């Protein structure tokens, strides 16, 4: 029984590796809309997407003690925008 569970676990982990996206994500604009409240609009574009719509994960203040994660979708044209709260003004985005 343990062998079956172990084999199933390895199979599921390997399938997850194949499911990762090879799409490229580029942040095209990052503009504060309210400097006092640290609110910014982040926009970008996804290229080489394998599916439509593409799921995009945005991590804000990624090197801080408390990074924030936002999720959005890129449309058929690959473009996306999100409103985020940032204290350091940094962000990274990746397609999932």
Protein backbone atom coordinates (compact mmCIF):
# COMPACT_ATOMS: atom_id res chain seq x y z
CA UNK A 1 0.00 0.00 0.00
CA UNK A 2 2.84 2.39 0.83
CA UNK A 3 4.41 1.77 -2.56
CA UNK A 4 1.17 2.70 -4.31
CA UNK A 5 0.80 5.94 -2.34
CA UNK A 6 4.47 6.81 -2.96
CA UNK A 7 4.12 6.11 -6.70
CA UNK A 8 0.94 8.20 -6.91
CA UNK A 9 2.66 11.07 -5.08
CA UNK A 10 5.60 11.04 -7.49
CA UNK A 11 3.24 10.96 -10.46
CA UNK A 12 1.27 13.97 -9.21
CA UNK A 13 4.46 15.94 -8.51
CA UNK A 14 5.83 15.22 -11.97
CA UNK A 15 2.54 16.26 -13.61
CA UNK A 16 2.74 19.58 -11.77
CA UNK A 17 6.15 20.22 -13.28
CA UNK A 18 4.77 19.78 -16.80
CA UNK A 19 1.81 22.06 -16.10
CA UNK A 20 3.96 25.13 -15.46
CA UNK A 21 3.59 27.92 -17.96
CA UNK A 22 6.38 29.00 -20.31
CA UNK A 23 4.74 32.36 -20.94
CA UNK A 24 6.75 35.55 -20.58
CA UNK A 25 5.33 38.34 -18.42
CA UNK A 26 6.47 41.95 -18.75
CA UNK A 27 5.34 44.78 -16.48
CA UNK A 28 4.71 47.77 -18.75
CA UNK A 29 3.58 50.38 -16.21
CA UNK A 30 3.69 50.82 -12.44
CA UNK A 31 2.15 54.13 -11.36
CA UNK A 32 1.12 55.36 -7.91
CA UNK A 33 -2.50 56.50 -7.89
CA UNK A 34 -2.41 57.58 -4.24
CA UNK A 35 1.00 58.26 -2.72
CA UNK A 36 -0.52 58.72 0.75
CA UNK A 37 -2.22 55.31 0.74
CA UNK A 38 0.53 53.55 -1.23
CA UNK A 39 -1.93 52.45 -3.93
CA UNK A 40 -0.53 51.76 -7.40
CA UNK A 41 -1.82 50.56 -10.74
CA UNK A 42 0.30 47.83 -12.29
CA UNK A 43 -0.19 46.84 -15.92
CA UNK A 44 1.61 44.33 -18.09
CA UNK A 45 1.49 41.98 -21.02
CA UNK A 46 1.86 38.21 -21.34
CA UNK A 47 3.50 36.76 -24.44
CA UNK A 48 3.88 33.13 -25.55
CA UNK A 49 0.82 32.10 -23.53
CA UNK A 50 -0.38 28.54 -24.01
CA UNK A 51 -3.98 29.22 -22.96
CA UNK A 52 -6.50 32.05 -22.89
CA UNK A 53 -7.17 33.62 -20.45
CA UNK A 54 -3.79 33.38 -18.71
CA UNK A 55 -3.60 33.40 -14.92
CA UNK A 56 -1.05 35.99 -13.67
CA UNK A 57 0.33 36.11 -10.13
CA UNK A 58 1.76 39.45 -8.96
CA UNK A 59 4.01 39.65 -5.89
CA UNK A 60 4.46 43.13 -4.44
CA UNK A 61 7.35 44.11 -2.15
CA UNK A 62 8.80 40.64 -2.72
CA UNK A 63 11.98 41.24 -0.66
CA UNK A 64 10.22 42.69 2.36
CA UNK A 65 9.22 40.83 5.49
CA UNK A 66 5.57 40.87 4.39
CA UNK A 67 5.20 40.54 0.61
CA UNK A 68 1.69 40.64 -0.83
CA UNK A 69 0.33 38.44 -3.62
CA UNK A 70 -2.34 39.50 -6.09
CA UNK A 71 -3.94 37.39 -8.81
CA UNK A 72 -5.46 38.49 -12.10
CA UNK A 73 -6.19 37.22 -15.59
CA UNK A 74 -4.68 38.37 -18.87
CA UNK A 75 -7.17 38.56 -21.72
CA UNK A 76 -6.89 37.17 -25.24
CA UNK A 77 -4.61 40.09 -26.17
CA UNK A 78 -2.29 39.20 -23.25
CA UNK A 79 -2.82 42.48 -21.39
CA UNK A 80 -3.61 42.76 -17.68
CA UNK A 81 -3.90 45.45 -14.98
CA UNK A 82 -4.29 45.30 -11.21
CA UNK A 83 -4.55 47.79 -8.36
CA UNK A 84 -2.04 46.94 -5.61
CA UNK A 85 -0.82 48.32 -2.29
CA UNK A 86 2.96 48.73 -2.15
CA UNK A 87 5.24 50.26 0.46
CA UNK A 88 8.53 49.81 -1.42
CA UNK A 89 7.34 50.25 -5.00
CA UNK A 90 8.58 46.89 -6.26
CA UNK A 91 6.72 44.06 -7.95
CA UNK A 92 7.25 40.92 -9.99
CA UNK A 93 4.72 39.04 -12.11
CA UNK A 94 4.61 35.51 -13.47
CA UNK A 95 2.17 33.44 -15.49
CA UNK A 96 0.83 30.29 -13.91
